[in-house]
Amino acid sequence: MTVEVVSPEDVAATERTAGVVRMAMFETETAVVVQSHIEEGTTTAWHSHGDRHVYGYVVEGARAVEYWPEGDETRECSAGA
């Protein structure tokens, strides 16, 4: 098992999508961990992280994620749920 600690100095914010600021914590061959700040009403373009697991935690508000393989599955999540 590997334990990885990421501090604020280890990440840089990017804004590839208007209304979304992403900070990649780390990525491996099997997982992606990203902190995102998403403005209300923002929709991102379809993209894929391949077969990797993507982990998220909603702090405030709610979101819906359409996902692999064809975007035909949707997972809705909200803060505190």
C-alpha atoms as a PDB file:
ATOM      1  CA  MET A   1       0.000   0.000   0.000  1.00  0.00           C
ATOM      2  CA  THR A   2       1.141   3.520  -0.765  1.00  0.00           C
ATOM      3  CA  VAL A   3       0.130   6.617   1.177  1.00  0.00           C
ATOM      4  CA  GLU A   4       0.412   9.874  -0.740  1.00  0.00           C
ATOM      5  CA  VAL A   5       0.049  13.270   0.901  1.00  0.00           C
ATOM      6  CA  VAL A   6      -0.745  16.268  -1.305  1.00  0.00           C
ATOM      7  CA  SER A   7      -0.402  19.791   0.069  1.00  0.00           C
ATOM      8  CA  PRO A   8      -1.767  23.008  -1.492  1.00  0.00           C
ATOM      9  CA  GLU A   9       1.727  23.843  -2.732  1.00  0.00           C
ATOM     10  CA  ASP A  10       1.727  20.609  -4.779  1.00  0.00           C
ATOM     11  CA  VAL A  11      -1.221  21.529  -7.012  1.00  0.00           C
ATOM     12  CA  ALA A  12      -1.898  24.217  -9.576  1.00  0.00           C
ATOM     13  CA  ALA A  13      -5.347  25.381 -10.638  1.00  0.00           C
ATOM     14  CA  THR A  14      -6.333  25.164 -14.289  1.00  0.00           C
ATOM     15  CA  GLU A  15      -9.418  26.507 -16.033  1.00  0.00           C
ATOM     16  CA  ARG A  16      -9.867  24.534 -19.250  1.00  0.00           C
ATOM     17  CA  THR A  17     -13.647  24.901 -19.149  1.00  0.00           C
ATOM     18  CA  ALA A  18     -15.318  28.243 -18.504  1.00  0.00           C
ATOM     19  CA  GLY A  19     -16.811  28.162 -15.017  1.00  0.00           C
ATOM     20  CA  VAL A  20     -14.685  25.227 -13.820  1.00  0.00           C
ATOM     21  CA  VAL A  21     -11.411  25.507 -11.904  1.00  0.00           C
ATOM     22  CA  ARG A  22      -9.691  22.128 -11.498  1.00  0.00           C
ATOM     23  CA  MET A  23      -6.812  21.198  -9.237  1.00  0.00           C
ATOM     24  CA  ALA A  24      -5.382  17.752  -9.955  1.00  0.00           C
ATOM     25  CA  MET A  25      -4.366  16.115  -6.683  1.00  0.00           C
ATOM     26  CA  PHE A  26      -2.960  13.001  -8.352  1.00  0.00           C
ATOM     27  CA  GLU A  27      -3.560  10.498 -11.142  1.00  0.00           C
ATOM     28  CA  THR A  28      -2.546   6.856 -11.414  1.00  0.00           C
ATOM     29  CA  GLU A  29      -3.217   4.125 -13.952  1.00  0.00           C
ATOM     30  CA  THR A  30      -6.397   3.269 -12.036  1.00  0.00           C
ATOM     31  CA  ALA A  31      -7.630   6.498 -10.429  1.00  0.00           C
ATOM     32  CA  VAL A  32      -8.040  10.255 -10.829  1.00  0.00           C
ATOM     33  CA  VAL A  33      -8.467  12.589  -7.844  1.00  0.00           C
ATOM     34  CA  VAL A  34      -9.278  16.206  -8.703  1.00  0.00           C
ATOM     35  CA  GLN A  35     -10.650  19.086  -6.668  1.00  0.00           C
ATOM     36  CA  SER A  36     -13.041  21.143  -8.801  1.00  0.00           C
ATOM     37  CA  HIS A  37     -14.833  24.417  -8.170  1.00  0.00           C
ATOM     38  CA  ILE A  38     -17.802  24.582 -10.546  1.00  0.00           C
ATOM     39  CA  GLU A  39     -19.978  27.640 -11.000  1.00  0.00           C
ATOM     40  CA  GLU A  40     -23.722  27.043 -10.765  1.00  0.00           C
ATOM     41  CA  GLY A  41     -25.286  26.098 -14.095  1.00  0.00           C
ATOM     42  CA  THR A  42     -21.982  25.094 -15.704  1.00  0.00           C
ATOM     43  CA  THR A  43     -21.948  22.167 -18.139  1.00  0.00           C
ATOM     44  CA  THR A  44     -18.688  20.642 -19.324  1.00  0.00           C
ATOM     45  CA  ALA A  45     -17.989  19.015 -22.669  1.00  0.00           C
ATOM     46  CA  TRP A  46     -18.027  15.222 -22.839  1.00  0.00           C
ATOM     47  CA  HIS A  47     -14.665  13.750 -21.903  1.00  0.00           C
ATOM     48  CA  SER A  48     -13.351  10.462 -20.570  1.00  0.00           C
ATOM     49  CA  HIS A  49     -10.828   9.303 -18.018  1.00  0.00           C
ATOM     50  CA  GLY A  50     -10.669   5.885 -19.661  1.00  0.00           C
ATOM     51  CA  ASP A  51     -11.067   2.908 -17.352  1.00  0.00           C
ATOM     52  CA  ARG A  52      -9.806   4.827 -14.315  1.00  0.00           C
ATOM     53  CA  HIS A  53     -11.959   5.459 -11.260  1.00  0.00           C
ATOM     54  CA  VAL A  54     -12.825   9.112 -10.672  1.00  0.00           C
ATOM     55  CA  TYR A  55     -13.472  10.145  -7.070  1.00  0.00           C
ATOM     56  CA  GLY A  56     -15.474  13.172  -6.053  1.00  0.00           C
ATOM     57  CA  TYR A  57     -16.984  14.734  -2.954  1.00  0.00           C
ATOM     58  CA  VAL A  58     -19.612  17.464  -3.146  1.00  0.00           C
ATOM     59  CA  VAL A  59     -19.048  20.172  -0.517  1.00  0.00           C
ATOM     60  CA  GLU A  60     -21.851  22.532  -1.542  1.00  0.00           C
ATOM     61  CA  GLY A  61     -24.736  22.283  -4.004  1.00  0.00           C
ATOM     62  CA  ALA A  62     -25.413  19.309  -6.277  1.00  0.00           C
ATOM     63  CA  ARG A  63     -24.238  17.843  -9.564  1.00  0.00           C
ATOM     64  CA  ALA A  64     -25.088  15.187 -12.104  1.00  0.00           C
ATOM     65  CA  VAL A  65     -22.377  13.158 -13.834  1.00  0.00           C
ATOM     66  CA  GLU A  66     -22.994  11.266 -17.061  1.00  0.00           C
ATOM     67  CA  TYR A  67     -20.416   8.553 -17.465  1.00  0.00           C
ATOM     68  CA  TRP A  68     -18.827   5.755 -19.416  1.00  0.00           C
ATOM     69  CA  PRO A  69     -19.107   4.061 -21.797  1.00  0.00           C
ATOM     70  CA  GLU A  70     -21.616   6.089 -23.818  1.00  0.00           C
ATOM     71  CA  GLY A  71     -22.758   8.638 -21.255  1.00  0.00           C
ATOM     72  CA  ASP A  72     -25.902   6.579 -20.837  1.00  0.00           C
ATOM     73  CA  GLU A  73     -25.497   6.303 -17.062  1.00  0.00           C
ATOM     74  CA  THR A  74     -26.055   9.260 -14.731  1.00  0.00           C
ATOM     75  CA  ARG A  75     -25.129   9.682 -11.094  1.00  0.00           C
ATOM     76  CA  GLU A  76     -26.593  12.581  -9.154  1.00  0.00           C
ATOM     77  CA  CYS A  77     -24.966  13.665  -5.910  1.00  0.00           C
ATOM     78  CA  SER A  78     -25.339  16.526  -3.482  1.00  0.00           C
ATOM     79  CA  ALA A  79     -23.615  17.934  -0.438  1.00  0.00           C
ATOM     80  CA  GLY A  80     -24.249  15.923   2.693  1.00  0.00           C
ATOM     81  CA  ALA A  81     -25.712  12.946   0.810  1.00  0.00           C
END
